[in-house]
Amino acid sequence: MAASFGMPYDMRECNPYACSMSAAVGDAWVTLFGAGAFDPVATDALFSAVIAAVEGARSPAATVTPSRDRPQFGECEEVIPTTTVQAITGLADAGLNNDAGGRSAASEATLVADNLGCHWMSEDQMAIASSVTWVHDGRWAYERASAAGTFAPVSLAGVGPDDIAALRCDPDIGPSCAIDIALGPDWINVSGPAQALAIALAEAVVAGRG
């Protein structure tokens, strides 16, 4: 759908209420959107810096993708049972909530590659209990993204010697954290409402992969 609307395309627009920017950068499609009182000049400079970072983040020539020894992800209850999400997070009413859509870089990529992911929401607490997303055969993308230096290694039970686990937390936007895992040829991301919970959820996902 995005391609039918002429995306990706080059665009930088700001008004008093929001900024929206898009660019084709090599083999990548980069977008930025923000609502609120944005400084157009500063936002333009930020987007230029993002483009420069993407241009500089190339996969290492020596990268070797491990062969697949596990099936690709299937139904969400196979990825991690809802009861396990509830037990780990303490959110007893957490349930699957996979509503999604839109014409964006992320929507287009996940739809085309069947990387739709799984999301659990606590309706009572109005909080995200956990999200598990993945890129089938996406280890190369993990290694490319990790070149930005924003991933911190983390110890994760069940991760093999040829796999990689890293932690991403941003205290400026709340206590939630995410674990990125290069597991075989795949890139898996597991988020939780706190660092310890994200690690426990990620370990449950890895354990379920066998």
N, C-alpha and C. Protein backbone atom coordinates (compact mmCIF):
# COMPACT_ATOMS: atom_id res chain seq x y z
N MET A 1 0.83 -1.21 0.00
CA MET A 1 0.00 0.00 0.00
C MET A 1 0.86 1.25 0.00
N ALA A 2 1.93 1.23 0.80
CA ALA A 2 2.81 2.41 0.84
C ALA A 2 3.41 2.68 -0.52
N ALA A 3 3.86 1.61 -1.20
CA ALA A 3 4.46 1.79 -2.52
C ALA A 3 3.45 2.36 -3.51
N SER A 4 2.18 1.96 -3.39
CA SER A 4 1.15 2.46 -4.31
C SER A 4 0.91 3.95 -4.12
N PHE A 5 1.27 4.48 -2.96
CA PHE A 5 1.14 5.91 -2.71
C PHE A 5 2.45 6.66 -2.99
N GLY A 6 3.37 6.00 -3.68
CA GLY A 6 4.60 6.65 -4.08
C GLY A 6 5.69 6.68 -3.03
N MET A 7 5.54 5.89 -1.97
CA MET A 7 6.56 5.85 -0.92
C MET A 7 7.58 4.76 -1.23
N PRO A 8 8.83 4.90 -0.80
CA PRO A 8 9.35 6.03 -0.02
C PRO A 8 9.63 7.24 -0.90
N TYR A 9 9.47 8.41 -0.35
CA TYR A 9 9.73 9.63 -1.09
C TYR A 9 10.40 10.64 -0.17
N ASP A 10 11.01 11.65 -0.78
CA ASP A 10 11.71 12.69 -0.02
C ASP A 10 10.74 13.80 0.34
N MET A 11 10.63 14.08 1.62
CA MET A 11 9.69 15.09 2.08
C MET A 11 10.11 15.62 3.44
N ARG A 12 10.07 16.93 3.60
CA ARG A 12 10.33 17.57 4.90
C ARG A 12 9.31 18.70 5.07
N GLU A 13 8.37 18.48 5.97
CA GLU A 13 7.31 19.47 6.17
C GLU A 13 7.09 19.71 7.66
N CYS A 14 6.98 20.97 8.03
CA CYS A 14 6.64 21.34 9.40
C CYS A 14 5.58 22.42 9.37
N ASN A 15 4.65 22.33 10.32
CA ASN A 15 3.67 23.39 10.53
C ASN A 15 3.64 23.68 12.03
N PRO A 16 2.82 24.59 12.51
CA PRO A 16 2.84 24.91 13.95
C PRO A 16 2.48 23.75 14.86
N TYR A 17 1.96 22.65 14.27
CA TYR A 17 1.46 21.55 15.10
C TYR A 17 2.26 20.27 15.00
N ALA A 18 3.02 20.10 13.92
CA ALA A 18 3.72 18.82 13.73
C ALA A 18 4.78 18.95 12.65
N CYS A 19 5.71 18.00 12.68
CA CYS A 19 6.71 17.86 11.62
C CYS A 19 6.66 16.43 11.10
N SER A 20 6.78 16.30 9.78
CA SER A 20 6.78 14.98 9.16
C SER A 20 7.85 14.97 8.09
N MET A 21 8.74 13.97 8.15
CA MET A 21 9.86 13.92 7.22
C MET A 21 10.07 12.50 6.74
N SER A 22 10.52 12.37 5.50
CA SER A 22 10.70 11.05 4.89
C SER A 22 11.85 11.14 3.90
N ALA A 23 12.62 10.07 3.79
CA ALA A 23 13.72 10.05 2.83
C ALA A 23 14.09 8.61 2.49
N ALA A 24 14.45 8.41 1.23
CA ALA A 24 15.04 7.15 0.81
C ALA A 24 16.55 7.29 0.96
N VAL A 25 17.15 6.41 1.77
CA VAL A 25 18.58 6.50 2.07
C VAL A 25 19.22 5.16 1.71
N GLY A 26 19.85 5.11 0.55
CA GLY A 26 20.40 3.83 0.11
C GLY A 26 19.29 2.80 -0.01
N ASP A 27 19.43 1.69 0.70
CA ASP A 27 18.40 0.64 0.65
C ASP A 27 17.42 0.78 1.80
N ALA A 28 17.42 1.92 2.50
CA ALA A 28 16.56 2.11 3.66
C ALA A 28 15.54 3.22 3.40
N TRP A 29 14.43 3.15 4.13
CA TRP A 29 13.43 4.21 4.13
C TRP A 29 13.38 4.76 5.54
N VAL A 30 13.68 6.05 5.68
CA VAL A 30 13.77 6.69 6.99
C VAL A 30 12.63 7.70 7.12
N THR A 31 11.90 7.63 8.24
CA THR A 31 10.83 8.59 8.49
C THR A 31 10.96 9.19 9.88
N LEU A 32 10.45 10.40 10.05
CA LEU A 32 10.41 11.08 11.34
C LEU A 32 9.07 11.80 11.44
N PHE A 33 8.40 11.64 12.57
CA PHE A 33 7.16 12.37 12.80
C PHE A 33 7.11 12.80 14.26
N GLY A 34 6.70 14.03 14.47
CA GLY A 34 6.54 14.51 15.84
C GLY A 34 5.41 15.52 15.90
N ALA A 35 4.59 15.42 16.93
CA ALA A 35 3.49 16.36 17.13
C ALA A 35 3.83 17.30 18.27
N GLY A 36 3.45 18.56 18.12
CA GLY A 36 3.74 19.54 19.15
C GLY A 36 4.47 20.74 18.57
N ALA A 37 4.95 21.59 19.42
CA ALA A 37 5.63 22.81 18.99
C ALA A 37 7.08 22.48 18.66
N PHE A 38 7.39 22.21 17.40
CA PHE A 38 8.72 21.85 16.98
C PHE A 38 9.42 23.04 16.33
N ASP A 39 10.71 23.14 16.55
CA ASP A 39 11.53 24.12 15.86
C ASP A 39 11.89 23.53 14.50
N PRO A 40 11.36 24.06 13.40
CA PRO A 40 11.60 23.45 12.08
C PRO A 40 13.08 23.32 11.74
N VAL A 41 13.89 24.31 12.10
CA VAL A 41 15.31 24.27 11.78
C VAL A 41 16.00 23.15 12.56
N ALA A 42 15.70 23.06 13.85
CA ALA A 42 16.31 22.02 14.67
C ALA A 42 15.85 20.64 14.24
N THR A 43 14.57 20.52 13.87
CA THR A 43 14.04 19.22 13.44
C THR A 43 14.67 18.80 12.12
N ASP A 44 14.86 19.76 11.22
CA ASP A 44 15.52 19.47 9.94
C ASP A 44 16.94 19.00 10.18
N ALA A 45 17.63 19.64 11.13
CA ALA A 45 19.00 19.23 11.45
C ALA A 45 19.03 17.83 12.06
N LEU A 46 18.04 17.54 12.92
CA LEU A 46 17.94 16.21 13.52
C LEU A 46 17.75 15.16 12.43
N PHE A 47 16.86 15.43 11.49
CA PHE A 47 16.60 14.45 10.43
C PHE A 47 17.84 14.24 9.57
N SER A 48 18.57 15.32 9.30
CA SER A 48 19.82 15.19 8.54
C SER A 48 20.82 14.32 9.29
N ALA A 49 20.86 14.45 10.63
CA ALA A 49 21.76 13.63 11.44
C ALA A 49 21.35 12.16 11.39
N VAL A 50 20.03 11.91 11.41
CA VAL A 50 19.54 10.53 11.31
C VAL A 50 19.93 9.93 9.97
N ILE A 51 19.75 10.68 8.90
CA ILE A 51 20.12 10.21 7.57
C ILE A 51 21.61 9.88 7.52
N ALA A 52 22.43 10.74 8.09
CA ALA A 52 23.87 10.50 8.10
C ALA A 52 24.21 9.23 8.87
N ALA A 53 23.49 8.99 9.98
CA ALA A 53 23.73 7.78 10.77
C ALA A 53 23.35 6.53 9.99
N VAL A 54 22.23 6.60 9.27
CA VAL A 54 21.79 5.44 8.48
C VAL A 54 22.77 5.19 7.33
N GLU A 55 23.23 6.27 6.70
CA GLU A 55 24.20 6.11 5.62
C GLU A 55 25.49 5.48 6.13
N GLY A 56 25.85 5.77 7.40
CA GLY A 56 27.10 5.25 7.95
C GLY A 56 26.97 3.87 8.56
N ALA A 57 25.74 3.39 8.73
CA ALA A 57 25.53 2.08 9.37
C ALA A 57 25.37 1.02 8.30
N ARG A 58 26.46 0.45 7.91
CA ARG A 58 26.43 -0.61 6.90
C ARG A 58 26.79 -1.93 7.54
N SER A 59 26.23 -3.01 7.01
CA SER A 59 26.53 -4.33 7.56
C SER A 59 28.01 -4.65 7.35
N PRO A 60 28.69 -5.20 8.38
CA PRO A 60 30.10 -5.60 8.21
C PRO A 60 30.25 -6.61 7.08
N ALA A 61 31.29 -6.45 6.30
CA ALA A 61 31.50 -7.34 5.15
C ALA A 61 31.67 -8.79 5.58
N ALA A 62 32.19 -9.00 6.81
CA ALA A 62 32.49 -10.37 7.25
C ALA A 62 31.31 -11.05 7.95
N THR A 63 30.14 -10.39 7.97
CA THR A 63 28.99 -10.96 8.68
C THR A 63 28.58 -12.30 8.07
N VAL A 64 28.38 -13.28 8.92
CA VAL A 64 27.92 -14.60 8.49
C VAL A 64 26.59 -14.87 9.19
N THR A 65 25.55 -15.13 8.43
CA THR A 65 24.24 -15.40 9.02
C THR A 65 24.12 -16.88 9.36
N PRO A 66 23.84 -17.21 10.64
CA PRO A 66 23.70 -18.62 11.02
C PRO A 66 22.54 -19.27 10.26
N SER A 67 22.64 -20.56 10.06
CA SER A 67 21.56 -21.29 9.41
C SER A 67 20.38 -21.41 10.36
N ARG A 68 19.19 -21.65 9.84
CA ARG A 68 17.99 -21.74 10.65
C ARG A 68 17.86 -23.15 11.24
N ASP A 69 17.84 -23.22 12.59
CA ASP A 69 17.63 -24.50 13.25
C ASP A 69 16.35 -24.50 14.07
N ARG A 70 15.56 -23.42 13.96
CA ARG A 70 14.26 -23.33 14.63
C ARG A 70 13.25 -22.84 13.61
N PRO A 71 11.99 -23.23 13.72
CA PRO A 71 10.98 -22.71 12.79
C PRO A 71 10.76 -21.22 13.01
N GLN A 72 10.24 -20.55 12.01
CA GLN A 72 9.89 -19.15 12.18
C GLN A 72 8.74 -19.03 13.17
N PHE A 73 8.56 -17.83 13.72
CA PHE A 73 7.48 -17.61 14.67
C PHE A 73 6.12 -17.88 14.03
N GLY A 74 5.20 -18.40 14.85
CA GLY A 74 3.86 -18.65 14.39
C GLY A 74 2.84 -17.86 15.17
N GLU A 75 1.86 -18.56 15.79
CA GLU A 75 0.83 -17.88 16.56
C GLU A 75 1.42 -17.28 17.84
N CYS A 76 0.80 -16.19 18.30
CA CYS A 76 1.32 -15.48 19.47
C CYS A 76 1.38 -16.36 20.71
N GLU A 77 0.40 -17.24 20.88
CA GLU A 77 0.40 -18.11 22.05
C GLU A 77 1.55 -19.10 22.02
N GLU A 78 2.14 -19.31 20.84
CA GLU A 78 3.33 -20.15 20.72
C GLU A 78 4.59 -19.34 21.01
N VAL A 79 4.54 -18.04 20.74
CA VAL A 79 5.69 -17.17 21.01
C VAL A 79 5.90 -17.07 22.51
N ILE A 80 4.84 -16.72 23.24
CA ILE A 80 4.85 -16.71 24.70
C ILE A 80 3.38 -16.75 25.14
N PRO A 81 2.97 -17.72 25.94
CA PRO A 81 1.57 -17.81 26.34
C PRO A 81 1.13 -16.58 27.12
N THR A 82 -0.11 -16.18 26.91
CA THR A 82 -0.66 -15.04 27.63
C THR A 82 -0.57 -15.24 29.14
N THR A 83 -0.79 -16.46 29.60
CA THR A 83 -0.70 -16.73 31.04
C THR A 83 0.71 -16.46 31.57
N THR A 84 1.73 -16.69 30.74
CA THR A 84 3.11 -16.41 31.15
C THR A 84 3.34 -14.90 31.23
N VAL A 85 2.81 -14.16 30.27
CA VAL A 85 2.90 -12.70 30.31
C VAL A 85 2.24 -12.17 31.58
N GLN A 86 1.08 -12.70 31.89
CA GLN A 86 0.35 -12.26 33.09
C GLN A 86 1.14 -12.56 34.36
N ALA A 87 1.72 -13.76 34.42
CA ALA A 87 2.45 -14.16 35.62
C ALA A 87 3.71 -13.33 35.81
N ILE A 88 4.44 -13.06 34.75
CA ILE A 88 5.70 -12.32 34.86
C ILE A 88 5.46 -10.85 35.19
N THR A 89 4.47 -10.25 34.54
CA THR A 89 4.23 -8.82 34.73
C THR A 89 3.35 -8.51 35.92
N GLY A 90 2.62 -9.51 36.41
CA GLY A 90 1.67 -9.26 37.49
C GLY A 90 0.40 -8.57 37.02
N LEU A 91 0.20 -8.46 35.72
CA LEU A 91 -1.00 -7.84 35.15
C LEU A 91 -1.97 -8.96 34.76
N ALA A 92 -2.86 -9.30 35.69
CA ALA A 92 -3.70 -10.49 35.54
C ALA A 92 -4.67 -10.38 34.38
N ASP A 93 -4.99 -9.15 33.95
CA ASP A 93 -5.96 -9.00 32.86
C ASP A 93 -5.29 -8.77 31.51
N ALA A 94 -3.98 -8.90 31.44
CA ALA A 94 -3.28 -8.67 30.17
C ALA A 94 -3.80 -9.62 29.11
N GLY A 95 -4.09 -9.08 27.94
CA GLY A 95 -4.58 -9.90 26.84
C GLY A 95 -4.00 -9.42 25.53
N LEU A 96 -4.07 -10.25 24.51
CA LEU A 96 -3.55 -9.90 23.20
C LEU A 96 -4.32 -8.73 22.61
N ASN A 97 -3.58 -7.78 22.08
CA ASN A 97 -4.18 -6.62 21.43
C ASN A 97 -3.29 -6.27 20.25
N ASN A 98 -3.63 -6.81 19.08
CA ASN A 98 -2.75 -6.68 17.92
C ASN A 98 -3.30 -5.73 16.87
N ASP A 99 -4.13 -4.75 17.27
CA ASP A 99 -4.64 -3.78 16.32
C ASP A 99 -3.46 -3.00 15.73
N ALA A 100 -3.44 -2.85 14.43
CA ALA A 100 -2.35 -2.12 13.77
C ALA A 100 -2.81 -1.67 12.40
N GLY A 101 -2.01 -0.84 11.78
CA GLY A 101 -2.33 -0.40 10.43
C GLY A 101 -1.62 0.90 10.11
N GLY A 102 -1.91 1.43 8.92
CA GLY A 102 -1.33 2.70 8.52
C GLY A 102 -0.32 2.56 7.40
N ARG A 103 -0.08 3.67 6.72
CA ARG A 103 0.89 3.68 5.63
C ARG A 103 2.17 4.29 6.16
N SER A 104 3.04 3.47 6.70
CA SER A 104 4.31 3.94 7.25
C SER A 104 5.41 2.96 6.88
N ALA A 105 6.65 3.38 7.11
CA ALA A 105 7.78 2.49 6.84
C ALA A 105 7.64 1.21 7.64
N ALA A 106 7.32 1.34 8.93
CA ALA A 106 7.22 0.17 9.79
C ALA A 106 6.06 -0.74 9.36
N SER A 107 4.90 -0.15 9.07
CA SER A 107 3.74 -0.95 8.67
C SER A 107 4.02 -1.70 7.37
N GLU A 108 4.62 -1.02 6.41
CA GLU A 108 4.89 -1.65 5.13
C GLU A 108 5.88 -2.81 5.30
N ALA A 109 6.96 -2.57 6.04
CA ALA A 109 7.99 -3.60 6.20
C ALA A 109 7.45 -4.82 6.94
N THR A 110 6.70 -4.59 8.01
CA THR A 110 6.20 -5.73 8.78
C THR A 110 5.17 -6.52 8.01
N LEU A 111 4.33 -5.84 7.23
CA LEU A 111 3.31 -6.54 6.45
C LEU A 111 3.92 -7.39 5.35
N VAL A 112 4.85 -6.80 4.59
CA VAL A 112 5.46 -7.50 3.47
C VAL A 112 6.23 -8.73 3.95
N ALA A 113 6.93 -8.60 5.08
CA ALA A 113 7.79 -9.69 5.57
C ALA A 113 7.09 -10.60 6.56
N ASP A 114 5.80 -10.38 6.83
CA ASP A 114 5.04 -11.18 7.79
C ASP A 114 5.71 -11.14 9.17
N ASN A 115 6.14 -9.94 9.55
CA ASN A 115 6.75 -9.73 10.87
C ASN A 115 5.78 -8.91 11.73
N LEU A 116 4.57 -9.40 11.92
CA LEU A 116 3.53 -8.57 12.53
C LEU A 116 3.67 -8.44 14.04
N GLY A 117 4.27 -9.40 14.71
CA GLY A 117 4.51 -9.29 16.14
C GLY A 117 3.29 -9.58 17.00
N CYS A 118 3.51 -9.57 18.31
CA CYS A 118 2.47 -9.86 19.29
C CYS A 118 2.52 -8.80 20.40
N HIS A 119 1.35 -8.35 20.83
CA HIS A 119 1.28 -7.27 21.82
C HIS A 119 0.22 -7.61 22.86
N TRP A 120 0.60 -7.46 24.14
CA TRP A 120 -0.32 -7.74 25.24
C TRP A 120 -0.59 -6.44 25.99
N MET A 121 -1.87 -6.18 26.25
CA MET A 121 -2.29 -4.93 26.88
C MET A 121 -3.12 -5.21 28.12
N SER A 122 -2.88 -4.46 29.17
CA SER A 122 -3.71 -4.52 30.37
C SER A 122 -4.78 -3.45 30.24
N GLU A 123 -6.03 -3.85 30.03
CA GLU A 123 -7.11 -2.88 29.88
C GLU A 123 -7.38 -2.17 31.20
N ASP A 124 -7.24 -2.88 32.32
CA ASP A 124 -7.52 -2.29 33.62
C ASP A 124 -6.50 -1.19 33.95
N GLN A 125 -5.23 -1.49 33.68
CA GLN A 125 -4.16 -0.54 33.98
C GLN A 125 -3.88 0.42 32.82
N MET A 126 -4.50 0.17 31.66
CA MET A 126 -4.24 0.95 30.46
C MET A 126 -2.73 0.99 30.20
N ALA A 127 -2.11 -0.17 30.26
CA ALA A 127 -0.65 -0.25 30.12
C ALA A 127 -0.28 -1.41 29.21
N ILE A 128 0.82 -1.24 28.50
CA ILE A 128 1.34 -2.33 27.67
C ILE A 128 2.08 -3.30 28.57
N ALA A 129 1.61 -4.56 28.59
CA ALA A 129 2.27 -5.57 29.41
C ALA A 129 3.54 -6.06 28.73
N SER A 130 3.46 -6.32 27.43
CA SER A 130 4.64 -6.80 26.71
C SER A 130 4.39 -6.72 25.21
N SER A 131 5.46 -6.58 24.47
CA SER A 131 5.42 -6.70 23.02
C SER A 131 6.57 -7.59 22.59
N VAL A 132 6.29 -8.49 21.66
CA VAL A 132 7.33 -9.32 21.06
C VAL A 132 7.25 -9.11 19.55
N THR A 133 8.28 -8.52 19.00
CA THR A 133 8.33 -8.32 17.56
C THR A 133 9.58 -8.99 17.01
N TRP A 134 9.61 -9.20 15.72
CA TRP A 134 10.75 -9.91 15.13
C TRP A 134 10.91 -9.54 13.67
N VAL A 135 12.09 -9.83 13.17
CA VAL A 135 12.38 -9.73 11.74
C VAL A 135 12.92 -11.09 11.33
N HIS A 136 12.10 -11.85 10.61
CA HIS A 136 12.57 -13.14 10.10
C HIS A 136 13.82 -12.94 9.25
N ASP A 137 14.84 -13.74 9.51
CA ASP A 137 16.11 -13.64 8.79
C ASP A 137 16.67 -12.21 8.86
N GLY A 138 16.46 -11.55 10.02
CA GLY A 138 16.85 -10.16 10.15
C GLY A 138 18.07 -9.91 11.00
N ARG A 139 18.88 -10.94 11.24
CA ARG A 139 20.08 -10.73 12.05
C ARG A 139 20.97 -9.63 11.47
N TRP A 140 21.04 -9.56 10.14
CA TRP A 140 21.85 -8.53 9.48
C TRP A 140 21.38 -7.14 9.90
N ALA A 141 20.05 -6.97 10.06
CA ALA A 141 19.52 -5.66 10.44
C ALA A 141 19.88 -5.34 11.89
N TYR A 142 19.86 -6.36 12.75
CA TYR A 142 20.27 -6.18 14.14
C TYR A 142 21.72 -5.69 14.18
N GLU A 143 22.59 -6.36 13.45
CA GLU A 143 24.01 -6.00 13.47
C GLU A 143 24.22 -4.61 12.88
N ARG A 144 23.41 -4.27 11.90
CA ARG A 144 23.52 -2.94 11.30
C ARG A 144 23.06 -1.87 12.30
N ALA A 145 21.93 -2.14 12.98
CA ALA A 145 21.42 -1.18 13.95
C ALA A 145 22.37 -1.04 15.14
N SER A 146 22.98 -2.15 15.55
CA SER A 146 23.85 -2.11 16.72
C SER A 146 25.10 -1.28 16.47
N ALA A 147 25.38 -1.00 15.21
CA ALA A 147 26.54 -0.16 14.88
C ALA A 147 26.37 1.26 15.39
N ALA A 148 25.11 1.62 15.73
CA ALA A 148 24.87 2.97 16.27
C ALA A 148 25.37 3.11 17.69
N GLY A 149 25.68 2.00 18.35
CA GLY A 149 26.25 2.05 19.70
C GLY A 149 25.26 2.30 20.80
N THR A 150 23.96 2.07 20.55
CA THR A 150 22.94 2.31 21.57
C THR A 150 22.49 1.04 22.28
N PHE A 151 23.10 -0.10 21.95
CA PHE A 151 22.74 -1.37 22.57
C PHE A 151 23.76 -1.70 23.67
N ALA A 152 23.28 -2.17 24.82
CA ALA A 152 24.17 -2.58 25.91
C ALA A 152 24.04 -4.08 26.11
N PRO A 153 25.12 -4.84 26.09
CA PRO A 153 25.05 -6.30 26.27
C PRO A 153 24.35 -6.65 27.58
N VAL A 154 23.59 -7.75 27.56
CA VAL A 154 22.88 -8.21 28.76
C VAL A 154 22.94 -9.73 28.80
N SER A 155 23.04 -10.27 30.00
CA SER A 155 23.06 -11.72 30.17
C SER A 155 21.63 -12.24 30.12
N LEU A 156 21.42 -13.26 29.30
CA LEU A 156 20.08 -13.79 29.08
C LEU A 156 20.14 -15.31 29.05
N ALA A 157 19.42 -15.96 29.97
CA ALA A 157 19.40 -17.42 30.02
C ALA A 157 18.85 -17.99 28.71
N GLY A 158 19.51 -19.03 28.21
CA GLY A 158 19.04 -19.70 27.02
C GLY A 158 19.64 -19.21 25.72
N VAL A 159 20.35 -18.08 25.78
CA VAL A 159 20.99 -17.55 24.57
C VAL A 159 22.29 -18.29 24.33
N GLY A 160 22.47 -18.84 23.13
CA GLY A 160 23.63 -19.66 22.82
C GLY A 160 24.88 -18.84 22.57
N PRO A 161 26.02 -19.50 22.44
CA PRO A 161 27.30 -18.79 22.27
C PRO A 161 27.37 -18.00 20.97
N ASP A 162 26.58 -18.38 19.96
CA ASP A 162 26.62 -17.67 18.68
C ASP A 162 25.51 -16.61 18.59
N ASP A 163 24.73 -16.49 19.65
CA ASP A 163 23.64 -15.51 19.66
C ASP A 163 24.04 -14.29 20.49
N ILE A 164 23.26 -13.22 20.38
CA ILE A 164 23.58 -11.96 21.05
C ILE A 164 22.33 -11.42 21.71
N ALA A 165 22.47 -10.90 22.92
CA ALA A 165 21.35 -10.24 23.60
C ALA A 165 21.82 -8.88 24.08
N ALA A 166 20.97 -7.88 23.92
CA ALA A 166 21.32 -6.52 24.32
C ALA A 166 20.10 -5.83 24.90
N LEU A 167 20.37 -4.85 25.76
CA LEU A 167 19.33 -4.15 26.50
C LEU A 167 19.23 -2.70 26.02
N ARG A 168 17.98 -2.21 25.92
CA ARG A 168 17.76 -0.80 25.61
C ARG A 168 16.72 -0.24 26.58
N CYS A 169 17.11 0.74 27.37
CA CYS A 169 16.20 1.43 28.29
C CYS A 169 16.39 2.93 28.09
N ASP A 170 15.31 3.68 28.23
CA ASP A 170 15.40 5.13 28.13
C ASP A 170 14.62 5.74 29.29
N PRO A 171 15.30 6.09 30.38
CA PRO A 171 14.60 6.62 31.56
C PRO A 171 13.85 7.91 31.28
N ASP A 172 14.18 8.59 30.17
CA ASP A 172 13.49 9.84 29.85
C ASP A 172 12.05 9.61 29.41
N ILE A 173 11.74 8.37 28.98
CA ILE A 173 10.38 8.10 28.49
C ILE A 173 9.67 7.06 29.34
N GLY A 174 10.24 6.70 30.50
CA GLY A 174 9.54 5.79 31.40
C GLY A 174 10.38 4.58 31.77
N PRO A 175 9.81 3.70 32.59
CA PRO A 175 10.58 2.57 33.11
C PRO A 175 10.66 1.36 32.16
N SER A 176 9.89 1.36 31.09
CA SER A 176 9.90 0.19 30.21
C SER A 176 11.25 0.01 29.53
N CYS A 177 11.58 -1.24 29.23
CA CYS A 177 12.84 -1.58 28.58
C CYS A 177 12.58 -2.60 27.48
N ALA A 178 13.54 -2.75 26.61
CA ALA A 178 13.45 -3.73 25.54
C ALA A 178 14.73 -4.54 25.47
N ILE A 179 14.57 -5.80 25.12
CA ILE A 179 15.69 -6.70 24.91
C ILE A 179 15.74 -7.04 23.43
N ASP A 180 16.87 -6.80 22.79
CA ASP A 180 17.08 -7.21 21.40
C ASP A 180 17.91 -8.48 21.39
N ILE A 181 17.48 -9.45 20.60
CA ILE A 181 18.18 -10.74 20.56
C ILE A 181 18.45 -11.11 19.11
N ALA A 182 19.70 -11.39 18.79
CA ALA A 182 20.05 -12.01 17.53
C ALA A 182 20.09 -13.50 17.79
N LEU A 183 19.01 -14.19 17.43
CA LEU A 183 18.85 -15.62 17.72
C LEU A 183 18.86 -16.38 16.41
N GLY A 184 19.98 -17.07 16.15
CA GLY A 184 20.12 -17.70 14.85
C GLY A 184 20.09 -16.63 13.78
N PRO A 185 19.30 -16.80 12.72
CA PRO A 185 19.24 -15.79 11.66
C PRO A 185 18.25 -14.68 11.93
N ASP A 186 17.52 -14.75 13.05
CA ASP A 186 16.43 -13.81 13.31
C ASP A 186 16.82 -12.69 14.27
N TRP A 187 16.09 -11.57 14.19
CA TRP A 187 16.19 -10.46 15.15
C TRP A 187 14.87 -10.42 15.91
N ILE A 188 14.95 -10.58 17.23
CA ILE A 188 13.77 -10.59 18.08
C ILE A 188 13.87 -9.44 19.06
N ASN A 189 12.77 -8.73 19.29
CA ASN A 189 12.71 -7.66 20.27
C ASN A 189 11.60 -7.95 21.26
N VAL A 190 11.92 -7.93 22.55
CA VAL A 190 10.95 -8.20 23.61
C VAL A 190 10.94 -7.02 24.55
N SER A 191 9.77 -6.43 24.79
CA SER A 191 9.67 -5.30 25.70
C SER A 191 8.86 -5.67 26.92
N GLY A 192 9.16 -4.98 28.03
CA GLY A 192 8.43 -5.17 29.28
C GLY A 192 8.34 -3.87 30.03
N PRO A 193 7.46 -3.79 31.03
CA PRO A 193 7.23 -2.54 31.75
C PRO A 193 8.36 -2.13 32.70
N ALA A 194 9.37 -2.96 32.86
CA ALA A 194 10.55 -2.64 33.67
C ALA A 194 11.69 -3.53 33.20
N GLN A 195 12.93 -3.14 33.57
CA GLN A 195 14.09 -3.88 33.07
C GLN A 195 14.05 -5.35 33.45
N ALA A 196 13.82 -5.66 34.73
CA ALA A 196 13.81 -7.04 35.18
C ALA A 196 12.71 -7.84 34.50
N LEU A 197 11.56 -7.20 34.27
CA LEU A 197 10.44 -7.88 33.63
C LEU A 197 10.73 -8.13 32.15
N ALA A 198 11.38 -7.18 31.50
CA ALA A 198 11.75 -7.37 30.09
C ALA A 198 12.71 -8.54 29.94
N ILE A 199 13.66 -8.65 30.87
CA ILE A 199 14.60 -9.78 30.82
C ILE A 199 13.88 -11.10 31.04
N ALA A 200 12.97 -11.15 32.02
CA ALA A 200 12.23 -12.38 32.29
C ALA A 200 11.36 -12.77 31.10
N LEU A 201 10.71 -11.80 30.48
CA LEU A 201 9.88 -12.07 29.31
C LEU A 201 10.74 -12.58 28.14
N ALA A 202 11.90 -11.95 27.94
CA ALA A 202 12.80 -12.38 26.86
C ALA A 202 13.28 -13.80 27.09
N GLU A 203 13.60 -14.14 28.33
CA GLU A 203 14.04 -15.50 28.63
C GLU A 203 12.93 -16.50 28.38
N ALA A 204 11.68 -16.12 28.64
CA ALA A 204 10.55 -17.00 28.36
C ALA A 204 10.38 -17.22 26.87
N VAL A 205 10.58 -16.16 26.09
CA VAL A 205 10.49 -16.30 24.63
C VAL A 205 11.59 -17.21 24.10
N VAL A 206 12.81 -17.01 24.57
CA VAL A 206 13.94 -17.85 24.13
C VAL A 206 13.71 -19.30 24.53
N ALA A 207 13.23 -19.53 25.77
CA ALA A 207 12.97 -20.90 26.23
C ALA A 207 11.92 -21.57 25.34
N GLY A 208 10.94 -20.81 24.90
CA GLY A 208 9.90 -21.38 24.04
C GLY A 208 10.39 -21.70 22.65
N ARG A 209 11.55 -21.15 22.27
CA ARG A 209 12.11 -21.45 20.94
C ARG A 209 12.82 -22.78 20.92
N GLY A 210 13.08 -23.38 22.12
CA GLY A 210 13.69 -24.69 22.18
C GLY A 210 15.20 -24.68 22.08
